[in-house]
Amino acid sequence: MIRLVLVLALCSPAAVSAQSVAERLNDYPTEVRADYVFGCMASNGQNRESLRKCSCSIDEIAAILPYDKYVEAETVLSLRLTGGERMAIFNSSAMADGIVAELRRAQAEAEVVCFF
């Protein structure tokens, strides 16, 4: 009987929803989070306060934007820097602009939460 209650509790929509949120918040690999924080600190100062704000920022971005969307946006931004005729589609594509816009919105929200 106790096992049945436990199984039902773990399978409830609230438990599944909480698990999905937890998985989504932790789907950014540590290396990616650290890389973001290093870049952020390079732009905002190499001190303890910047470390706190930049760590907060990537956590907020991770809460807003799933990791696969983050990777897509970072890829588009990287390809835009590459230049050349073959990469021109990434500079003028509405789809690419939308992908980057999602990241920019997440970054703006993270900045409001973490830096002000």
PDB file of N, CA and C in Angstrom:
ATOM      1  N   MET A   1       0.819  -1.190   0.000  1.00  0.00           N
ATOM      2  CA  MET A   1       0.000   0.000   0.000  1.00  0.00           C
ATOM      3  C   MET A   1       0.869   1.264   0.000  1.00  0.00           C
ATOM      4  N   ILE A   2       1.909   1.296   0.857  1.00  0.00           N
ATOM      5  CA  ILE A   2       2.781   2.462   0.932  1.00  0.00           C
ATOM      6  C   ILE A   2       3.516   2.641  -0.397  1.00  0.00           C
ATOM      7  N   ARG A   3       3.927   1.536  -0.998  1.00  0.00           N
ATOM      8  CA  ARG A   3       4.613   1.628  -2.286  1.00  0.00           C
ATOM      9  C   ARG A   3       3.706   2.217  -3.356  1.00  0.00           C
ATOM     10  N   LEU A   4       2.437   1.801  -3.340  1.00  0.00           N
ATOM     11  CA  LEU A   4       1.488   2.307  -4.321  1.00  0.00           C
ATOM     12  C   LEU A   4       1.297   3.815  -4.165  1.00  0.00           C
ATOM     13  N   VAL A   5       1.176   4.283  -2.939  1.00  0.00           N
ATOM     14  CA  VAL A   5       1.032   5.720  -2.683  1.00  0.00           C
ATOM     15  C   VAL A   5       2.275   6.475  -3.152  1.00  0.00           C
ATOM     16  N   LEU A   6       3.437   5.914  -2.876  1.00  0.00           N
ATOM     17  CA  LEU A   6       4.683   6.548  -3.293  1.00  0.00           C
ATOM     18  C   LEU A   6       4.778   6.618  -4.822  1.00  0.00           C
ATOM     19  N   VAL A   7       4.428   5.538  -5.493  1.00  0.00           N
ATOM     20  CA  VAL A   7       4.462   5.519  -6.960  1.00  0.00           C
ATOM     21  C   VAL A   7       3.478   6.535  -7.515  1.00  0.00           C
ATOM     22  N   LEU A   8       2.282   6.592  -6.965  1.00  0.00           N
ATOM     23  CA  LEU A   8       1.282   7.551  -7.427  1.00  0.00           C
ATOM     24  C   LEU A   8       1.736   8.986  -7.172  1.00  0.00           C
ATOM     25  N   ALA A   9       2.378   9.223  -6.054  1.00  0.00           N
ATOM     26  CA  ALA A   9       2.864  10.565  -5.743  1.00  0.00           C
ATOM     27  C   ALA A   9       3.961  10.991  -6.710  1.00  0.00           C
ATOM     28  N   LEU A  10       4.835  10.061  -7.046  1.00  0.00           N
ATOM     29  CA  LEU A  10       5.922  10.379  -7.974  1.00  0.00           C
ATOM     30  C   LEU A  10       5.430  10.567  -9.405  1.00  0.00           C
ATOM     31  N   CYS A  11       4.305   9.969  -9.720  1.00  0.00           N
ATOM     32  CA  CYS A  11       3.766  10.076 -11.076  1.00  0.00           C
ATOM     33  C   CYS A  11       2.732  11.184 -11.214  1.00  0.00           C
ATOM     34  N   SER A  12       2.452  11.883 -10.148  1.00  0.00           N
ATOM     35  CA  SER A  12       1.461  12.950 -10.218  1.00  0.00           C
ATOM     36  C   SER A  12       1.958  14.058 -11.126  1.00  0.00           C
ATOM     37  N   PRO A  13       1.046  14.817 -11.739  1.00  0.00           N
ATOM     38  CA  PRO A  13       1.460  15.904 -12.622  1.00  0.00           C
ATOM     39  C   PRO A  13       2.362  16.928 -11.931  1.00  0.00           C
ATOM     40  N   ALA A  14       2.121  17.211 -10.662  1.00  0.00           N
ATOM     41  CA  ALA A  14       2.946  18.177  -9.940  1.00  0.00           C
ATOM     42  C   ALA A  14       4.375  17.675  -9.804  1.00  0.00           C
ATOM     43  N   ALA A  15       4.536  16.392  -9.512  1.00  0.00           N
ATOM     44  CA  ALA A  15       5.876  15.822  -9.379  1.00  0.00           C
ATOM     45  C   ALA A  15       6.586  15.807 -10.725  1.00  0.00           C
ATOM     46  N   VAL A  16       5.876  15.444 -11.779  1.00  0.00           N
ATOM     47  CA  VAL A  16       6.466  15.429 -13.114  1.00  0.00           C
ATOM     48  C   VAL A  16       6.830  16.842 -13.532  1.00  0.00           C
ATOM     49  N   SER A  17       5.938  17.801 -13.243  1.00  0.00           N
ATOM     50  CA  SER A  17       6.194  19.195 -13.589  1.00  0.00           C
ATOM     51  C   SER A  17       7.407  19.729 -12.851  1.00  0.00           C
ATOM     52  N   ALA A  18       7.512  19.437 -11.564  1.00  0.00           N
ATOM     53  CA  ALA A  18       8.656  19.889 -10.772  1.00  0.00           C
ATOM     54  C   ALA A  18       9.940  19.265 -11.295  1.00  0.00           C
ATOM     55  N   GLN A  19       9.869  17.999 -11.685  1.00  0.00           N
ATOM     56  CA  GLN A  19      11.046  17.336 -12.232  1.00  0.00           C
ATOM     57  C   GLN A  19      11.437  17.986 -13.559  1.00  0.00           C
ATOM     58  N   SER A  20      10.484  18.304 -14.407  1.00  0.00           N
ATOM     59  CA  SER A  20      10.780  18.925 -15.699  1.00  0.00           C
ATOM     60  C   SER A  20      11.430  20.286 -15.508  1.00  0.00           C
ATOM     61  N   VAL A  21      10.942  21.049 -14.550  1.00  0.00           N
ATOM     62  CA  VAL A  21      11.530  22.364 -14.275  1.00  0.00           C
ATOM     63  C   VAL A  21      12.956  22.197 -13.783  1.00  0.00           C
ATOM     64  N   ALA A  22      13.171  21.268 -12.868  1.00  0.00           N
ATOM     65  CA  ALA A  22      14.509  21.037 -12.336  1.00  0.00           C
ATOM     66  C   ALA A  22      15.464  20.579 -13.439  1.00  0.00           C
ATOM     67  N   GLU A  23      15.001  19.688 -14.310  1.00  0.00           N
ATOM     68  CA  GLU A  23      15.837  19.231 -15.413  1.00  0.00           C
ATOM     69  C   GLU A  23      16.162  20.381 -16.346  1.00  0.00           C
ATOM     70  N   ARG A  24      15.181  21.228 -16.631  1.00  0.00           N
ATOM     71  CA  ARG A  24      15.405  22.351 -17.541  1.00  0.00           C
ATOM     72  C   ARG A  24      16.382  23.359 -16.952  1.00  0.00           C
ATOM     73  N   LEU A  25      16.290  23.601 -15.650  1.00  0.00           N
ATOM     74  CA  LEU A  25      17.193  24.554 -15.021  1.00  0.00           C
ATOM     75  C   LEU A  25      18.622  24.032 -14.974  1.00  0.00           C
ATOM     76  N   ASN A  26      18.782  22.732 -15.039  1.00  0.00           N
ATOM     77  CA  ASN A  26      20.114  22.142 -14.941  1.00  0.00           C
ATOM     78  C   ASN A  26      20.592  21.528 -16.253  1.00  0.00           C
ATOM     79  N   ASP A  27      19.979  21.924 -17.377  1.00  0.00           N
ATOM     80  CA  ASP A  27      20.379  21.303 -18.626  1.00  0.00           C
ATOM     81  C   ASP A  27      21.554  22.011 -19.297  1.00  0.00           C
ATOM     82  N   TYR A  28      22.027  23.116 -18.745  1.00  0.00           N
ATOM     83  CA  TYR A  28      23.214  23.786 -19.268  1.00  0.00           C
ATOM     84  C   TYR A  28      24.442  23.118 -18.660  1.00  0.00           C
ATOM     85  N   PRO A  29      25.347  22.604 -19.490  1.00  0.00           N
ATOM     86  CA  PRO A  29      26.554  21.980 -18.943  1.00  0.00           C
ATOM     87  C   PRO A  29      27.390  22.995 -18.146  1.00  0.00           C
ATOM     88  N   THR A  30      28.086  22.515 -17.164  1.00  0.00           N
ATOM     89  CA  THR A  30      28.913  23.370 -16.308  1.00  0.00           C
ATOM     90  C   THR A  30      29.916  24.161 -17.135  1.00  0.00           C
ATOM     91  N   GLU A  31      30.511  23.535 -18.131  1.00  0.00           N
ATOM     92  CA  GLU A  31      31.495  24.212 -18.972  1.00  0.00           C
ATOM     93  C   GLU A  31      30.876  25.421 -19.688  1.00  0.00           C
ATOM     94  N   VAL A  32      29.653  25.282 -20.145  1.00  0.00           N
ATOM     95  CA  VAL A  32      28.965  26.383 -20.835  1.00  0.00           C
ATOM     96  C   VAL A  32      28.669  27.508 -19.855  1.00  0.00           C
ATOM     97  N   ARG A  33      28.207  27.144 -18.666  1.00  0.00           N
ATOM     98  CA  ARG A  33      27.943  28.165 -17.647  1.00  0.00           C
ATOM     99  C   ARG A  33      29.241  28.905 -17.286  1.00  0.00           C
ATOM    100  N   ALA A  34      30.320  28.166 -17.103  1.00  0.00           N
ATOM    101  CA  ALA A  34      31.596  28.785 -16.744  1.00  0.00           C
ATOM    102  C   ALA A  34      32.099  29.687 -17.867  1.00  0.00           C
ATOM    103  N   ASP A  35      31.964  29.247 -19.104  1.00  0.00           N
ATOM    104  CA  ASP A  35      32.386  30.054 -20.245  1.00  0.00           C
ATOM    105  C   ASP A  35      31.604  31.363 -20.298  1.00  0.00           C
ATOM    106  N   TYR A  36      30.307  31.295 -20.042  1.00  0.00           N
ATOM    107  CA  TYR A  36      29.484  32.503 -20.027  1.00  0.00           C
ATOM    108  C   TYR A  36      29.946  33.449 -18.911  1.00  0.00           C
ATOM    109  N   VAL A  37      30.187  32.897 -17.737  1.00  0.00           N
ATOM    110  CA  VAL A  37      30.603  33.723 -16.599  1.00  0.00           C
ATOM    111  C   VAL A  37      31.963  34.371 -16.884  1.00  0.00           C
ATOM    112  N   PHE A  38      32.907  33.624 -17.464  1.00  0.00           N
ATOM    113  CA  PHE A  38      34.216  34.203 -17.808  1.00  0.00           C
ATOM    114  C   PHE A  38      34.063  35.368 -18.778  1.00  0.00           C
ATOM    115  N   GLY A  39      33.260  35.181 -19.817  1.00  0.00           N
ATOM    116  CA  GLY A  39      33.032  36.249 -20.791  1.00  0.00           C
ATOM    117  C   GLY A  39      32.335  37.443 -20.183  1.00  0.00           C
ATOM    118  N   CYS A  40      31.363  37.180 -19.351  1.00  0.00           N
ATOM    119  CA  CYS A  40      30.628  38.242 -18.668  1.00  0.00           C
ATOM    120  C   CYS A  40      31.554  39.039 -17.753  1.00  0.00           C
ATOM    121  N   MET A  41      32.405  38.320 -17.026  1.00  0.00           N
ATOM    122  CA  MET A  41      33.325  39.006 -16.121  1.00  0.00           C
ATOM    123  C   MET A  41      34.370  39.809 -16.880  1.00  0.00           C
ATOM    124  N   ALA A  42      34.756  39.354 -18.052  1.00  0.00           N
ATOM    125  CA  ALA A  42      35.705  40.108 -18.870  1.00  0.00           C
ATOM    126  C   ALA A  42      35.103  41.455 -19.271  1.00  0.00           C
ATOM    127  N   SER A  43      33.782  41.477 -19.439  1.00  0.00           N
ATOM    128  CA  SER A  43      33.094  42.711 -19.826  1.00  0.00           C
ATOM    129  C   SER A  43      32.707  43.584 -18.644  1.00  0.00           C
ATOM    130  N   ASN A  44      32.563  42.977 -17.473  1.00  0.00           N
ATOM    131  CA  ASN A  44      32.008  43.698 -16.320  1.00  0.00           C
ATOM    132  C   ASN A  44      32.948  43.839 -15.135  1.00  0.00           C
ATOM    133  N   GLY A  45      34.165  43.353 -15.272  1.00  0.00           N
ATOM    134  CA  GLY A  45      35.118  43.473 -14.168  1.00  0.00           C
ATOM    135  C   GLY A  45      35.478  42.131 -13.577  1.00  0.00           C
ATOM    136  N   GLN A  46      36.703  42.010 -13.177  1.00  0.00           N
ATOM    137  CA  GLN A  46      37.226  40.764 -12.619  1.00  0.00           C
ATOM    138  C   GLN A  46      37.193  40.842 -11.093  1.00  0.00           C
ATOM    139  N   ASN A  47      36.004  40.881 -10.526  1.00  0.00           N
ATOM    140  CA  ASN A  47      35.896  40.965  -9.071  1.00  0.00           C
ATOM    141  C   ASN A  47      34.764  40.078  -8.578  1.00  0.00           C
ATOM    142  N   ARG A  48      34.672  39.977  -7.287  1.00  0.00           N
ATOM    143  CA  ARG A  48      33.679  39.092  -6.654  1.00  0.00           C
ATOM    144  C   ARG A  48      32.248  39.497  -6.998  1.00  0.00           C
ATOM    145  N   GLU A  49      31.987  40.782  -7.050  1.00  0.00           N
ATOM    146  CA  GLU A  49      30.642  41.281  -7.375  1.00  0.00           C
ATOM    147  C   GLU A  49      30.244  40.883  -8.801  1.00  0.00           C
ATOM    148  N   SER A  50      31.167  40.996  -9.730  1.00  0.00           N
ATOM    149  CA  SER A  50      30.892  40.588 -11.113  1.00  0.00           C
ATOM    150  C   SER A  50      30.662  39.086 -11.193  1.00  0.00           C
ATOM    151  N   LEU A  51      31.419  38.318 -10.441  1.00  0.00           N
ATOM    152  CA  LEU A  51      31.220  36.871 -10.400  1.00  0.00           C
ATOM    153  C   LEU A  51      29.804  36.551  -9.963  1.00  0.00           C
ATOM    154  N   ARG A  52      29.341  37.215  -8.910  1.00  0.00           N
ATOM    155  CA  ARG A  52      27.986  36.978  -8.410  1.00  0.00           C
ATOM    156  C   ARG A  52      26.938  37.363  -9.450  1.00  0.00           C
ATOM    157  N   LYS A  53      27.100  38.526 -10.048  1.00  0.00           N
ATOM    158  CA  LYS A  53      26.120  39.011 -11.029  1.00  0.00           C
ATOM    159  C   LYS A  53      26.122  38.158 -12.294  1.00  0.00           C
ATOM    160  N   CYS A  54      27.299  37.787 -12.754  1.00  0.00           N
ATOM    161  CA  CYS A  54      27.391  36.993 -13.972  1.00  0.00           C
ATOM    162  C   CYS A  54      26.863  35.570 -13.759  1.00  0.00           C
ATOM    163  N   SER A  55      27.111  35.002 -12.600  1.00  0.00           N
ATOM    164  CA  SER A  55      26.556  33.680 -12.271  1.00  0.00           C
ATOM    165  C   SER A  55      25.045  33.741 -12.211  1.00  0.00           C
ATOM    166  N   CYS A  56      24.536  34.789 -11.610  1.00  0.00           N
ATOM    167  CA  CYS A  56      23.088  35.010 -11.560  1.00  0.00           C
ATOM    168  C   CYS A  56      22.530  35.113 -12.971  1.00  0.00           C
ATOM    169  N   SER A  57      23.238  35.819 -13.833  1.00  0.00           N
ATOM    170  CA  SER A  57      22.785  36.055 -15.195  1.00  0.00           C
ATOM    171  C   SER A  57      22.609  34.753 -15.974  1.00  0.00           C
ATOM    172  N   ILE A  58      23.588  33.874 -15.945  1.00  0.00           N
ATOM    173  CA  ILE A  58      23.463  32.622 -16.695  1.00  0.00           C
ATOM    174  C   ILE A  58      22.392  31.736 -16.080  1.00  0.00           C
ATOM    175  N   ASP A  59      22.210  31.806 -14.768  1.00  0.00           N
ATOM    176  CA  ASP A  59      21.124  31.042 -14.139  1.00  0.00           C
ATOM    177  C   ASP A  59      19.762  31.542 -14.614  1.00  0.00           C
ATOM    178  N   GLU A  60      19.615  32.852 -14.731  1.00  0.00           N
ATOM    179  CA  GLU A  60      18.358  33.421 -15.218  1.00  0.00           C
ATOM    180  C   GLU A  60      18.126  33.047 -16.678  1.00  0.00           C
ATOM    181  N   ILE A  61      19.167  33.125 -17.477  1.00  0.00           N
ATOM    182  CA  ILE A  61      19.037  32.747 -18.885  1.00  0.00           C
ATOM    183  C   ILE A  61      18.623  31.284 -18.998  1.00  0.00           C
ATOM    184  N   ALA A  62      19.235  30.422 -18.193  1.00  0.00           N
ATOM    185  CA  ALA A  62      18.902  28.997 -18.210  1.00  0.00           C
ATOM    186  C   ALA A  62      17.459  28.746 -17.784  1.00  0.00           C
ATOM    187  N   ALA A  63      16.939  29.581 -16.908  1.00  0.00           N
ATOM    188  CA  ALA A  63      15.557  29.428 -16.464  1.00  0.00           C
ATOM    189  C   ALA A  63      14.574  29.861 -17.553  1.00  0.00           C
ATOM    190  N   ILE A  64      15.011  30.735 -18.438  1.00  0.00           N
ATOM    191  CA  ILE A  64      14.140  31.272 -19.483  1.00  0.00           C
ATOM    192  C   ILE A  64      14.267  30.496 -20.786  1.00  0.00           C
ATOM    193  N   LEU A  65      15.488  30.178 -21.164  1.00  0.00           N
ATOM    194  CA  LEU A  65      15.779  29.629 -22.482  1.00  0.00           C
ATOM    195  C   LEU A  65      16.324  28.216 -22.362  1.00  0.00           C
ATOM    196  N   PRO A  66      15.660  27.234 -22.974  1.00  0.00           N
ATOM    197  CA  PRO A  66      16.203  25.870 -22.943  1.00  0.00           C
ATOM    198  C   PRO A  66      17.586  25.829 -23.597  1.00  0.00           C
ATOM    199  N   TYR A  67      18.392  24.903 -23.163  1.00  0.00           N
ATOM    200  CA  TYR A  67      19.776  24.824 -23.626  1.00  0.00           C
ATOM    201  C   TYR A  67      19.877  24.700 -25.143  1.00  0.00           C
ATOM    202  N   ASP A  68      19.011  23.909 -25.768  1.00  0.00           N
ATOM    203  CA  ASP A  68      19.100  23.751 -27.217  1.00  0.00           C
ATOM    204  C   ASP A  68      18.859  25.073 -27.945  1.00  0.00           C
ATOM    205  N   LYS A  69      17.990  25.919 -27.426  1.00  0.00           N
ATOM    206  CA  LYS A  69      17.756  27.247 -28.011  1.00  0.00           C
ATOM    207  C   LYS A  69      18.976  28.145 -27.799  1.00  0.00           C
ATOM    208  N   TYR A  70      19.608  28.019 -26.641  1.00  0.00           N
ATOM    209  CA  TYR A  70      20.826  28.781 -26.355  1.00  0.00           C
ATOM    210  C   TYR A  70      21.927  28.413 -27.351  1.00  0.00           C
ATOM    211  N   VAL A  71      22.095  27.123 -27.597  1.00  0.00           N
ATOM    212  CA  VAL A  71      23.113  26.646 -28.528  1.00  0.00           C
ATOM    213  C   VAL A  71      22.819  27.160 -29.939  1.00  0.00           C
ATOM    214  N   GLU A  72      21.556  27.114 -30.343  1.00  0.00           N
ATOM    215  CA  GLU A  72      21.189  27.623 -31.670  1.00  0.00           C
ATOM    216  C   GLU A  72      21.563  29.098 -31.809  1.00  0.00           C
ATOM    217  N   ALA A  73      21.215  29.890 -30.812  1.00  0.00           N
ATOM    218  CA  ALA A  73      21.494  31.327 -30.869  1.00  0.00           C
ATOM    219  C   ALA A  73      22.994  31.595 -30.874  1.00  0.00           C
ATOM    220  N   GLU A  74      23.742  30.901 -30.037  1.00  0.00           N
ATOM    221  CA  GLU A  74      25.190  31.078 -30.006  1.00  0.00           C
ATOM    222  C   GLU A  74      25.816  30.665 -31.341  1.00  0.00           C
ATOM    223  N   THR A  75      25.271  29.637 -31.962  1.00  0.00           N
ATOM    224  CA  THR A  75      25.771  29.196 -33.262  1.00  0.00           C
ATOM    225  C   THR A  75      25.527  30.262 -34.326  1.00  0.00           C
ATOM    226  N   VAL A  76      24.311  30.817 -34.357  1.00  0.00           N
ATOM    227  CA  VAL A  76      24.001  31.872 -35.318  1.00  0.00           C
ATOM    228  C   VAL A  76      24.921  33.071 -35.107  1.00  0.00           C
ATOM    229  N   LEU A  77      25.104  33.478 -33.864  1.00  0.00           N
ATOM    230  CA  LEU A  77      25.979  34.611 -33.587  1.00  0.00           C
ATOM    231  C   LEU A  77      27.415  34.331 -34.019  1.00  0.00           C
ATOM    232  N   SER A  78      27.876  33.128 -33.802  1.00  0.00           N
ATOM    233  CA  SER A  78      29.225  32.747 -34.210  1.00  0.00           C
ATOM    234  C   SER A  78      29.361  32.756 -35.727  1.00  0.00           C
ATOM    235  N   LEU A  79      28.355  32.236 -36.417  1.00  0.00           N
ATOM    236  CA  LEU A  79      28.400  32.216 -37.879  1.00  0.00           C
ATOM    237  C   LEU A  79      28.317  33.618 -38.465  1.00  0.00           C
ATOM    238  N   ARG A  80      27.614  34.502 -37.788  1.00  0.00           N
ATOM    239  CA  ARG A  80      27.549  35.883 -38.258  1.00  0.00           C
ATOM    240  C   ARG A  80      28.918  36.555 -38.187  1.00  0.00           C
ATOM    241  N   LEU A  81      29.716  36.163 -37.235  1.00  0.00           N
ATOM    242  CA  LEU A  81      31.063  36.729 -37.113  1.00  0.00           C
ATOM    243  C   LEU A  81      32.012  36.187 -38.179  1.00  0.00           C
ATOM    244  N   THR A  82      31.715  35.001 -38.673  1.00  0.00           N
ATOM    245  CA  THR A  82      32.571  34.359 -39.658  1.00  0.00           C
ATOM    246  C   THR A  82      32.579  35.137 -40.971  1.00  0.00           C
ATOM    247  N   GLY A  83      31.416  35.602 -41.375  1.00  0.00           N
ATOM    248  CA  GLY A  83      31.328  36.376 -42.607  1.00  0.00           C
ATOM    249  C   GLY A  83      31.435  35.512 -43.839  1.00  0.00           C
ATOM    250  N   GLY A  84      31.518  36.154 -44.966  1.00  0.00           N
ATOM    251  CA  GLY A  84      31.611  35.430 -46.226  1.00  0.00           C
ATOM    252  C   GLY A  84      30.256  35.224 -46.862  1.00  0.00           C
ATOM    253  N   GLU A  85      30.301  34.882 -48.137  1.00  0.00           N
ATOM    254  CA  GLU A  85      29.077  34.721 -48.912  1.00  0.00           C
ATOM    255  C   GLU A  85      28.205  33.579 -48.413  1.00  0.00           C
ATOM    256  N   ARG A  86      28.824  32.500 -48.005  1.00  0.00           N
ATOM    257  CA  ARG A  86      28.067  31.330 -47.555  1.00  0.00           C
ATOM    258  C   ARG A  86      27.364  31.584 -46.220  1.00  0.00           C
ATOM    259  N   MET A  87      27.874  32.512 -45.438  1.00  0.00           N
ATOM    260  CA  MET A  87      27.291  32.805 -44.136  1.00  0.00           C
ATOM    261  C   MET A  87      26.288  33.953 -44.185  1.00  0.00           C
ATOM    262  N   ALA A  88      26.091  34.536 -45.354  1.00  0.00           N
ATOM    263  CA  ALA A  88      25.195  35.689 -45.503  1.00  0.00           C
ATOM    264  C   ALA A  88      23.765  35.363 -45.084  1.00  0.00           C
ATOM    265  N   ILE A  89      23.354  34.122 -45.251  1.00  0.00           N
ATOM    266  CA  ILE A  89      21.991  33.736 -44.873  1.00  0.00           C
ATOM    267  C   ILE A  89      21.743  33.965 -43.388  1.00  0.00           C
ATOM    268  N   PHE A  90      22.766  33.857 -42.573  1.00  0.00           N
ATOM    269  CA  PHE A  90      22.602  34.049 -41.134  1.00  0.00           C
ATOM    270  C   PHE A  90      22.493  35.527 -40.766  1.00  0.00           C
ATOM    271  N   ASN A  91      22.896  36.396 -41.666  1.00  0.00           N
ATOM    272  CA  ASN A  91      22.797  37.840 -41.428  1.00  0.00           C
ATOM    273  C   ASN A  91      21.451  38.404 -41.839  1.00  0.00           C
ATOM    274  N   SER A  92      20.758  37.733 -42.766  1.00  0.00           N
ATOM    275  CA  SER A  92      19.523  38.302 -43.299  1.00  0.00           C
ATOM    276  C   SER A  92      18.298  37.421 -43.109  1.00  0.00           C
ATOM    277  N   SER A  93      18.431  36.308 -42.455  1.00  0.00           N
ATOM    278  CA  SER A  93      17.335  35.365 -42.284  1.00  0.00           C
ATOM    279  C   SER A  93      16.434  35.752 -41.117  1.00  0.00           C
ATOM    280  N   ALA A  94      15.132  35.780 -41.375  1.00  0.00           N
ATOM    281  CA  ALA A  94      14.169  36.079 -40.309  1.00  0.00           C
ATOM    282  C   ALA A  94      14.211  34.998 -39.223  1.00  0.00           C
ATOM    283  N   MET A  95      14.419  33.763 -39.640  1.00  0.00           N
ATOM    284  CA  MET A  95      14.501  32.672 -38.668  1.00  0.00           C
ATOM    285  C   MET A  95      15.713  32.863 -37.750  1.00  0.00           C
ATOM    286  N   ALA A  96      16.855  33.197 -38.334  1.00  0.00           N
ATOM    287  CA  ALA A  96      18.060  33.423 -37.538  1.00  0.00           C
ATOM    288  C   ALA A  96      17.876  34.623 -36.618  1.00  0.00           C
ATOM    289  N   ASP A  97      17.236  35.673 -37.135  1.00  0.00           N
ATOM    290  CA  ASP A  97      16.970  36.853 -36.302  1.00  0.00           C
ATOM    291  C   ASP A  97      16.078  36.499 -35.116  1.00  0.00           C
ATOM    292  N   GLY A  98      15.093  35.641 -35.339  1.00  0.00           N
ATOM    293  CA  GLY A  98      14.201  35.216 -34.256  1.00  0.00           C
ATOM    294  C   GLY A  98      14.920  34.407 -33.196  1.00  0.00           C
ATOM    295  N   ILE A  99      15.811  33.550 -33.632  1.00  0.00           N
ATOM    296  CA  ILE A  99      16.590  32.725 -32.699  1.00  0.00           C
ATOM    297  C   ILE A  99      17.456  33.614 -31.812  1.00  0.00           C
ATOM    298  N   VAL A 100      18.125  34.580 -32.422  1.00  0.00           N
ATOM    299  CA  VAL A 100      18.990  35.488 -31.664  1.00  0.00           C
ATOM    300  C   VAL A 100      18.155  36.398 -30.764  1.00  0.00           C
ATOM    301  N   ALA A 101      16.993  36.812 -31.241  1.00  0.00           N
ATOM    302  CA  ALA A 101      16.123  37.680 -30.446  1.00  0.00           C
ATOM    303  C   ALA A 101      15.698  37.006 -29.145  1.00  0.00           C
ATOM    304  N   GLU A 102      15.447  35.696 -29.193  1.00  0.00           N
ATOM    305  CA  GLU A 102      15.086  34.968 -27.965  1.00  0.00           C
ATOM    306  C   GLU A 102      16.212  35.047 -26.940  1.00  0.00           C
ATOM    307  N   LEU A 103      17.439  34.850 -27.404  1.00  0.00           N
ATOM    308  CA  LEU A 103      18.592  34.943 -26.496  1.00  0.00           C
ATOM    309  C   LEU A 103      18.734  36.358 -25.964  1.00  0.00           C
ATOM    310  N   ARG A 104      18.590  37.341 -26.812  1.00  0.00           N
ATOM    311  CA  ARG A 104      18.725  38.742 -26.378  1.00  0.00           C
ATOM    312  C   ARG A 104      17.668  39.104 -25.335  1.00  0.00           C
ATOM    313  N   ARG A 105      16.445  38.617 -25.522  1.00  0.00           N
ATOM    314  CA  ARG A 105      15.393  38.868 -24.521  1.00  0.00           C
ATOM    315  C   ARG A 105      15.745  38.230 -23.186  1.00  0.00           C
ATOM    316  N   ALA A 106      16.241  36.992 -23.231  1.00  0.00           N
ATOM    317  CA  ALA A 106      16.637  36.301 -21.997  1.00  0.00           C
ATOM    318  C   ALA A 106      17.787  37.042 -21.326  1.00  0.00           C
ATOM    319  N   GLN A 107      18.752  37.515 -22.115  1.00  0.00           N
ATOM    320  CA  GLN A 107      19.876  38.262 -21.556  1.00  0.00           C
ATOM    321  C   GLN A 107      19.414  39.582 -20.942  1.00  0.00           C
ATOM    322  N   ALA A 108      18.464  40.251 -21.593  1.00  0.00           N
ATOM    323  CA  ALA A 108      17.959  41.518 -21.062  1.00  0.00           C
ATOM    324  C   ALA A 108      17.236  41.305 -19.738  1.00  0.00           C
ATOM    325  N   GLU A 109      16.438  40.258 -19.674  1.00  0.00           N
ATOM    326  CA  GLU A 109      15.742  39.964 -18.417  1.00  0.00           C
ATOM    327  C   GLU A 109      16.729  39.595 -17.319  1.00  0.00           C
ATOM    328  N   ALA A 110      17.741  38.818 -17.662  1.00  0.00           N
ATOM    329  CA  ALA A 110      18.765  38.446 -16.684  1.00  0.00           C
ATOM    330  C   ALA A 110      19.514  39.680 -16.202  1.00  0.00           C
ATOM    331  N   GLU A 111      19.771  40.613 -17.088  1.00  0.00           N
ATOM    332  CA  GLU A 111      20.468  41.835 -16.696  1.00  0.00           C
ATOM    333  C   GLU A 111      19.645  42.641 -15.711  1.00  0.00           C
ATOM    334  N   VAL A 112      18.350  42.738 -15.950  1.00  0.00           N
ATOM    335  CA  VAL A 112      17.476  43.475 -15.036  1.00  0.00           C
ATOM    336  C   VAL A 112      17.462  42.818 -13.665  1.00  0.00           C
ATOM    337  N   VAL A 113      17.355  41.493 -13.655  1.00  0.00           N
ATOM    338  CA  VAL A 113      17.284  40.766 -12.391  1.00  0.00           C
ATOM    339  C   VAL A 113      18.621  40.799 -11.637  1.00  0.00           C
ATOM    340  N   CYS A 114      19.716  40.646 -12.339  1.00  0.00           N
ATOM    341  CA  CYS A 114      21.011  40.427 -11.695  1.00  0.00           C
ATOM    342  C   CYS A 114      21.908  41.651 -11.555  1.00  0.00           C
ATOM    343  N   PHE A 115      21.742  42.620 -12.410  1.00  0.00           N
ATOM    344  CA  PHE A 115      22.673  43.741 -12.415  1.00  0.00           C
ATOM    345  C   PHE A 115      22.084  45.027 -11.845  1.00  0.00           C
ATOM    346  N   PHE A 116      20.785  45.046 -11.597  1.00  0.00           N
ATOM    347  CA  PHE A 116      20.181  46.280 -11.063  1.00  0.00           C
ATOM    348  C   PHE A 116      19.521  46.054  -9.730  1.00  0.00           C
TER     349      PHE A 116
END
